[in-house]
Amino acid sequence: LWIHLVATGLFAALVAVSQSPWVMAATLTVLGLAAGMYHPVGLSFITRSVRERSMAVGYHGMAGSLGTAIAPALAVFIARLWSWQGAYVVLGIVALLAALAVFASRAREGMSTERAQPEQAPRPVERGRLLLAPLIAIFAVNMLGGFIYRGALTYLPLHLKENLGLHVLGITPEDLAGYVATIALVLGIGGQYIGGWLGERVQREALLAPIALCILPFLVLIGVANGVALVAAAGAFAFFNFMAQPAYTALIADYSPSRVQGSAFGVAFFSAFGIGSFAGIFGGVVAERWSTEWVFISLAAFEALIAVVAAWLYVAARRRARTAAG
């Protein structure tokens, strides 16, 4: 973890002092690789070191959403006060200070013991084995969720401009469209907390399908509504979308032996971001052929697929629990 922070801090500083476009391209590439190390490393560290995995991941996501919402405004403020190079230098220093804090804390993995979930059979991974089919199902849910979120976030600004049809609290449709990402992250903070809290009190496999069924109608409503109903549907989609994240992130750890959890999270984020990157192309084809309304209706079909896969995951977990009970 501290290696990731040191590399991020150093290469952020190197971006600031780059003297040519080629050098800047190289340093930005390595900076991206260093930053990309975080999620597999950070999440595996958390899930191998706490009892309440879902709640811990919820807090982690809340902090991440808050940081992602604040960072652009902070970078712009520093750039206007100093320069764009100054923004990279300051954020690089923040990363290096975080590395020192991690190193000085002497935090180590495995500082806490596992705790069984409510009404749940012992995990196969507790005996060092891995059930591949459920883990693939969780990866699929994660991947489809990333595709839906990226597609919705890409086309929601244009959709609001074309279909909102009113000012909300004095904000024009054009301005509101520009705030979409920040609004989604802020609403997501509440969703992540509730999702983490529920993940410690309800069998995690039982959460995914109901949340997907909550998201589905709001995606359809975004497509067909306008005015205040459109804004409310977009807000509800963001809230429930982020609510699911703590559960399926904790489930990846639940179904992965400790020795491969980092790799499991790497696969999960690679698939979510990789497949999610095609959402823009998919949405562009749909919007060009029909309209932005059909982008969201199409994404609702993918959400229905998530509900089906999640329902199978729950049924398989219950069957395994009955078998373990004798």
Protein backbone atom coordinates (compact mmCIF):
# COMPACT_ATOMS: atom_id res chain seq x y z
CA LEU A 1 0.00 0.00 0.00
CA TRP A 2 2.73 2.47 0.90
CA ILE A 3 4.62 1.55 -2.29
CA HIS A 4 1.53 2.58 -4.29
CA LEU A 5 1.37 5.89 -2.43
CA VAL A 6 5.08 6.62 -2.86
CA ALA A 7 4.95 5.85 -6.60
CA THR A 8 1.83 7.98 -7.03
CA GLY A 9 3.39 10.92 -5.19
CA LEU A 10 6.71 10.77 -7.04
CA PHE A 11 5.21 10.47 -10.51
CA ALA A 12 2.68 13.24 -9.80
CA ALA A 13 5.67 15.47 -9.07
CA LEU A 14 7.43 14.26 -12.24
CA VAL A 15 4.37 15.19 -14.31
CA ALA A 16 4.68 18.73 -12.96
CA VAL A 17 8.32 19.06 -14.08
CA SER A 18 7.91 17.35 -17.46
CA GLN A 19 9.60 19.42 -20.17
CA SER A 20 8.05 17.90 -23.29
CA PRO A 21 4.77 16.29 -24.37
CA TRP A 22 6.49 12.90 -24.71
CA VAL A 23 7.93 13.02 -21.21
CA MET A 24 4.56 14.13 -19.85
CA ALA A 25 2.80 11.28 -21.67
CA ALA A 26 5.24 8.79 -20.16
CA THR A 27 4.96 10.13 -16.62
CA LEU A 28 1.17 10.34 -16.82
CA THR A 29 1.07 6.72 -18.01
CA VAL A 30 3.18 5.51 -15.10
CA LEU A 31 1.15 7.72 -12.73
CA GLY A 32 -2.00 6.01 -13.97
CA LEU A 33 -0.45 2.58 -13.44
CA ALA A 34 0.64 3.53 -9.92
CA ALA A 35 -2.79 4.91 -9.06
CA GLY A 36 -4.43 1.80 -10.51
CA MET A 37 -2.60 -0.35 -7.96
CA TYR A 38 -4.72 1.04 -5.15
CA HIS A 39 -8.04 -0.79 -5.35
CA PRO A 40 -6.75 -4.40 -5.41
CA VAL A 41 -4.14 -3.63 -2.74
CA GLY A 42 -6.29 -1.40 -0.52
CA LEU A 43 -9.40 -3.56 -0.59
CA SER A 44 -7.54 -6.81 0.01
CA PHE A 45 -5.78 -5.14 2.96
CA ILE A 46 -9.13 -4.04 4.41
CA THR A 47 -10.97 -7.32 3.90
CA ARG A 48 -8.10 -9.37 5.36
CA SER A 49 -7.82 -7.14 8.43
CA VAL A 50 -11.36 -6.44 9.72
CA ARG A 51 -14.28 -8.46 11.02
CA GLU A 52 -17.08 -6.33 9.56
CA ARG A 53 -15.99 -6.43 5.93
CA SER A 54 -19.11 -4.94 4.40
CA MET A 55 -19.24 -2.00 6.79
CA ALA A 56 -15.52 -1.34 6.36
CA VAL A 57 -15.90 -1.38 2.57
CA GLY A 58 -18.87 0.97 2.93
CA TYR A 59 -16.79 3.48 4.89
CA HIS A 60 -13.99 3.05 2.35
CA GLY A 61 -16.38 3.81 -0.51
CA MET A 62 -17.83 6.83 1.30
CA ALA A 63 -14.34 8.30 1.73
CA GLY A 64 -13.51 7.54 -1.89
CA SER A 65 -16.67 9.21 -3.18
CA LEU A 66 -16.03 12.28 -1.03
CA GLY A 67 -12.43 12.49 -2.24
CA THR A 68 -13.43 12.04 -5.88
CA ALA A 69 -16.04 14.79 -5.53
CA ILE A 70 -13.64 17.22 -3.84
CA ALA A 71 -10.47 16.55 -5.87
CA PRO A 72 -11.43 18.38 -9.10
CA ALA A 73 -12.44 21.53 -7.22
CA LEU A 74 -9.27 21.37 -5.12
CA ALA A 75 -7.09 20.91 -8.22
CA VAL A 76 -8.76 23.86 -9.96
CA PHE A 77 -8.35 26.03 -6.86
CA ILE A 78 -4.63 25.23 -6.62
CA ALA A 79 -4.14 25.72 -10.37
CA ARG A 80 -5.74 29.18 -10.24
CA LEU A 81 -3.83 30.11 -7.10
CA TRP A 82 -0.51 28.83 -8.44
CA SER A 83 -0.42 26.79 -11.68
CA TRP A 84 -1.47 23.42 -13.03
CA GLN A 85 1.98 22.12 -12.12
CA GLY A 86 1.35 23.25 -8.56
CA ALA A 87 -1.79 21.11 -8.41
CA TYR A 88 0.23 18.00 -9.28
CA VAL A 89 2.95 18.91 -6.77
CA VAL A 90 0.49 19.47 -3.92
CA LEU A 91 -1.46 16.28 -4.59
CA GLY A 92 1.83 14.39 -4.91
CA ILE A 93 2.90 15.68 -1.50
CA VAL A 94 -0.44 14.54 -0.07
CA ALA A 95 0.22 11.03 -1.43
CA LEU A 96 3.71 10.96 0.07
CA LEU A 97 2.39 12.10 3.45
CA ALA A 98 -0.22 9.35 3.30
CA ALA A 99 2.57 6.84 2.57
CA LEU A 100 4.45 8.03 5.65
CA ALA A 101 1.29 7.69 7.74
CA VAL A 102 0.71 4.11 6.51
CA PHE A 103 4.34 3.16 7.14
CA ALA A 104 4.40 4.79 10.59
CA SER A 105 1.13 3.16 11.65
CA ARG A 106 2.72 -0.31 11.26
CA ALA A 107 -0.68 -1.62 10.24
CA ARG A 108 -0.50 -5.22 9.09
CA GLU A 109 -2.90 -7.55 7.34
CA GLY A 110 -4.74 -10.14 9.39
CA MET A 111 -4.95 -7.97 12.53
CA SER A 112 -8.50 -9.19 13.08
CA THR A 113 -10.30 -12.53 12.80
CA GLU A 114 -13.08 -13.67 10.50
CA ARG A 115 -16.68 -13.40 11.55
CA ALA A 116 -19.44 -15.54 10.08
CA GLN A 117 -22.33 -13.81 8.36
CA PRO A 118 -25.90 -14.21 9.66
CA GLU A 119 -27.63 -17.47 8.75
CA GLN A 120 -24.84 -18.58 6.49
CA ALA A 121 -22.95 -21.83 5.97
CA PRO A 122 -19.19 -21.83 6.53
CA ARG A 123 -17.36 -20.36 3.55
CA PRO A 124 -15.41 -22.82 1.38
CA VAL A 125 -12.52 -20.35 1.55
CA GLU A 126 -12.31 -20.87 5.31
CA ARG A 127 -10.89 -24.29 4.47
CA GLY A 128 -8.56 -22.85 1.86
CA ARG A 129 -10.75 -23.87 -1.12
CA LEU A 130 -12.46 -21.71 -3.70
CA LEU A 131 -15.90 -22.15 -5.27
CA LEU A 132 -15.33 -20.88 -8.79
CA ALA A 133 -18.94 -20.63 -10.02
CA PRO A 134 -20.17 -18.26 -7.28
CA LEU A 135 -17.04 -16.14 -7.63
CA ILE A 136 -17.57 -15.86 -11.39
CA ALA A 137 -21.18 -14.84 -10.70
CA ILE A 138 -19.97 -12.08 -8.37
CA PHE A 139 -17.46 -10.93 -11.00
CA ALA A 140 -20.30 -10.85 -13.54
CA VAL A 141 -22.48 -8.74 -11.25
CA ASN A 142 -19.57 -6.39 -10.61
CA MET A 143 -18.75 -6.15 -14.33
CA LEU A 144 -22.34 -5.48 -15.40
CA GLY A 145 -22.73 -2.94 -12.59
CA GLY A 146 -19.66 -1.08 -13.86
CA PHE A 147 -21.02 -1.14 -17.41
CA ILE A 148 -24.40 0.26 -16.31
CA TYR A 149 -22.92 2.97 -14.09
CA ARG A 150 -20.45 4.12 -16.74
CA GLY A 151 -23.12 4.15 -19.44
CA ALA A 152 -25.58 6.06 -17.28
CA LEU A 153 -23.02 8.61 -16.15
CA THR A 154 -21.81 9.17 -19.72
CA TYR A 155 -25.23 9.88 -21.23
CA LEU A 156 -27.11 11.39 -18.30
CA PRO A 157 -25.72 14.93 -18.88
CA LEU A 158 -26.90 14.96 -22.51
CA HIS A 159 -30.20 13.35 -21.53
CA LEU A 160 -30.83 16.04 -18.90
CA LYS A 161 -30.07 18.82 -21.37
CA GLU A 162 -32.54 17.39 -23.85
CA ASN A 163 -35.34 16.26 -21.52
CA LEU A 164 -35.26 18.09 -18.18
CA GLY A 165 -37.32 21.02 -19.44
CA LEU A 166 -37.14 23.16 -16.29
CA HIS A 167 -34.85 24.92 -13.83
CA VAL A 168 -34.20 23.04 -10.58
CA LEU A 169 -33.52 25.38 -7.62
CA GLY A 170 -32.56 28.02 -10.15
CA ILE A 171 -30.06 25.71 -11.89
CA THR A 172 -30.43 25.43 -15.66
CA PRO A 173 -30.52 22.00 -17.35
CA GLU A 174 -27.09 22.72 -18.86
CA ASP A 175 -25.55 23.54 -15.48
CA LEU A 176 -27.24 20.61 -13.77
CA ALA A 177 -25.85 18.30 -16.45
CA GLY A 178 -22.36 19.51 -15.57
CA TYR A 179 -22.89 18.63 -11.92
CA VAL A 180 -24.10 15.07 -12.60
CA ALA A 181 -20.92 13.25 -11.52
CA THR A 182 -20.58 15.23 -8.31
CA ILE A 183 -24.25 14.82 -7.42
CA ALA A 184 -24.04 11.06 -8.04
CA LEU A 185 -20.98 10.76 -5.77
CA VAL A 186 -22.62 12.77 -2.97
CA LEU A 187 -25.80 10.67 -3.11
CA GLY A 188 -23.64 7.58 -3.30
CA ILE A 189 -22.14 8.32 0.12
CA GLY A 190 -25.47 7.62 1.80
CA GLY A 191 -26.05 4.54 -0.34
CA GLN A 192 -22.64 3.09 0.53
CA TYR A 193 -23.23 3.55 4.25
CA ILE A 194 -26.59 1.82 4.18
CA GLY A 195 -25.26 -0.93 1.92
CA GLY A 196 -22.35 -1.56 4.29
CA TRP A 197 -24.66 -1.56 7.31
CA LEU A 198 -27.06 -4.03 5.68
CA GLY A 199 -24.17 -6.25 4.62
CA GLU A 200 -23.38 -6.93 8.28
CA ARG A 201 -26.98 -7.73 9.24
CA VAL A 202 -28.34 -9.60 6.23
CA GLN A 203 -26.81 -12.45 4.27
CA ARG A 204 -24.86 -10.60 1.61
CA GLU A 205 -25.99 -12.85 -1.24
CA ALA A 206 -29.57 -11.91 -0.33
CA LEU A 207 -28.95 -8.20 -0.90
CA LEU A 208 -27.87 -8.10 -4.53
CA ALA A 209 -31.05 -9.16 -6.33
CA PRO A 210 -33.41 -6.84 -4.35
CA ILE A 211 -31.08 -3.87 -4.92
CA ALA A 212 -30.93 -4.66 -8.64
CA LEU A 213 -34.74 -4.78 -8.72
CA CYS A 214 -34.80 -1.37 -7.03
CA ILE A 215 -32.40 0.11 -9.60
CA LEU A 216 -34.19 -1.30 -12.66
CA PRO A 217 -37.39 0.82 -12.59
CA PHE A 218 -35.42 3.99 -11.94
CA LEU A 219 -33.34 3.38 -15.07
CA VAL A 220 -36.56 3.00 -17.05
CA LEU A 221 -37.99 6.12 -15.40
CA ILE A 222 -34.88 8.13 -16.31
CA GLY A 223 -35.54 7.14 -19.91
CA VAL A 224 -39.22 8.10 -20.03
CA ALA A 225 -39.57 10.92 -17.48
CA ASN A 226 -38.85 14.62 -17.59
CA GLY A 227 -38.81 17.50 -15.14
CA VAL A 228 -38.68 16.80 -11.41
CA ALA A 229 -39.43 13.09 -11.91
CA LEU A 230 -36.31 12.77 -14.08
CA VAL A 231 -34.13 14.40 -11.43
CA ALA A 232 -35.61 12.20 -8.68
CA ALA A 233 -35.12 9.03 -10.74
CA ALA A 234 -31.49 9.92 -11.46
CA GLY A 235 -30.85 10.56 -7.77
CA ALA A 236 -32.48 7.28 -6.74
CA PHE A 237 -30.44 5.38 -9.34
CA ALA A 238 -27.19 6.82 -7.95
CA PHE A 239 -28.22 6.02 -4.37
CA PHE A 240 -29.14 2.37 -4.99
CA ASN A 241 -26.25 1.79 -7.41
CA PHE A 242 -23.73 2.73 -4.71
CA MET A 243 -25.68 0.78 -2.09
CA ALA A 244 -24.79 -2.45 -3.87
CA GLN A 245 -21.04 -1.85 -3.90
CA PRO A 246 -20.15 -2.82 -0.30
CA ALA A 247 -22.03 -6.11 -0.60
CA TYR A 248 -20.45 -7.40 -3.78
CA THR A 249 -17.01 -6.11 -2.83
CA ALA A 250 -17.21 -7.98 0.48
CA LEU A 251 -18.53 -11.05 -1.33
CA ILE A 252 -15.41 -11.15 -3.51
CA ALA A 253 -13.39 -11.43 -0.30
CA ASP A 254 -15.85 -13.96 1.17
CA TYR A 255 -15.39 -16.30 -1.79
CA SER A 256 -11.64 -15.80 -2.30
CA PRO A 257 -8.93 -17.53 -0.25
CA SER A 258 -6.83 -14.97 1.59
CA ARG A 259 -3.75 -15.74 -0.49
CA VAL A 260 -5.45 -14.69 -3.77
CA GLN A 261 -7.70 -11.86 -2.61
CA GLY A 262 -5.48 -9.20 -4.18
CA SER A 263 -5.64 -11.00 -7.52
CA ALA A 264 -9.41 -11.44 -7.17
CA PHE A 265 -9.92 -7.72 -6.64
CA GLY A 266 -7.58 -7.03 -9.55
CA VAL A 267 -9.73 -9.19 -11.83
CA ALA A 268 -12.90 -7.54 -10.52
CA PHE A 269 -11.74 -3.99 -11.16
CA PHE A 270 -10.10 -4.84 -14.47
CA SER A 271 -13.34 -6.38 -15.72
CA ALA A 272 -15.56 -3.61 -14.34
CA PHE A 273 -13.45 -0.79 -15.78
CA GLY A 274 -12.54 -2.69 -18.95
CA ILE A 275 -16.07 -3.73 -19.89
CA GLY A 276 -17.41 -0.46 -18.51
CA SER A 277 -15.29 1.43 -21.03
CA PHE A 278 -17.42 -0.08 -23.82
CA ALA A 279 -20.58 1.45 -22.32
CA GLY A 280 -19.87 4.72 -24.11
CA ILE A 281 -19.72 2.96 -27.48
CA PHE A 282 -22.85 0.95 -26.72
CA GLY A 283 -24.73 4.05 -25.60
CA GLY A 284 -23.53 6.00 -28.63
CA VAL A 285 -24.89 3.38 -31.03
CA VAL A 286 -28.23 3.28 -29.20
CA ALA A 287 -28.52 7.09 -28.97
CA GLU A 288 -27.65 7.57 -32.65
CA ARG A 289 -30.08 4.92 -33.85
CA TRP A 290 -32.93 5.83 -31.49
CA SER A 291 -32.39 8.40 -28.68
CA THR A 292 -30.82 8.88 -25.24
CA GLU A 293 -34.08 7.65 -23.72
CA TRP A 294 -33.37 4.19 -25.11
CA VAL A 295 -29.86 4.19 -23.65
CA PHE A 296 -31.35 3.99 -20.16
CA ILE A 297 -34.06 1.54 -21.11
CA SER A 298 -31.36 -0.69 -22.62
CA LEU A 299 -29.26 -0.39 -19.46
CA ALA A 300 -32.32 -1.54 -17.49
CA ALA A 301 -32.16 -4.83 -19.43
CA PHE A 302 -28.59 -5.35 -18.18
CA GLU A 303 -29.81 -4.60 -14.65
CA ALA A 304 -32.41 -7.34 -15.05
CA LEU A 305 -29.57 -9.70 -15.95
CA ILE A 306 -27.81 -8.70 -12.72
CA ALA A 307 -30.97 -9.59 -10.79
CA VAL A 308 -31.05 -13.06 -12.40
CA VAL A 309 -27.38 -13.80 -11.68
CA ALA A 310 -27.72 -12.46 -8.12
CA ALA A 311 -30.80 -14.60 -7.52
CA TRP A 312 -28.85 -17.70 -8.62
CA LEU A 313 -26.02 -16.73 -6.25
CA TYR A 314 -28.46 -16.52 -3.34
CA VAL A 315 -30.14 -19.84 -4.19
CA ALA A 316 -26.74 -21.55 -4.44
CA ALA A 317 -25.69 -20.13 -1.06
CA ARG A 318 -28.91 -21.36 0.59
CA ARG A 319 -28.49 -24.79 -0.95
CA ARG A 320 -24.93 -24.95 0.36
CA ALA A 321 -26.14 -23.86 3.81
CA ARG A 322 -28.75 -26.65 3.91
CA THR A 323 -26.15 -29.20 2.81
CA ALA A 324 -23.73 -28.06 5.53
CA ALA A 325 -26.53 -28.25 8.12
CA GLY A 326 -27.03 -31.91 7.28
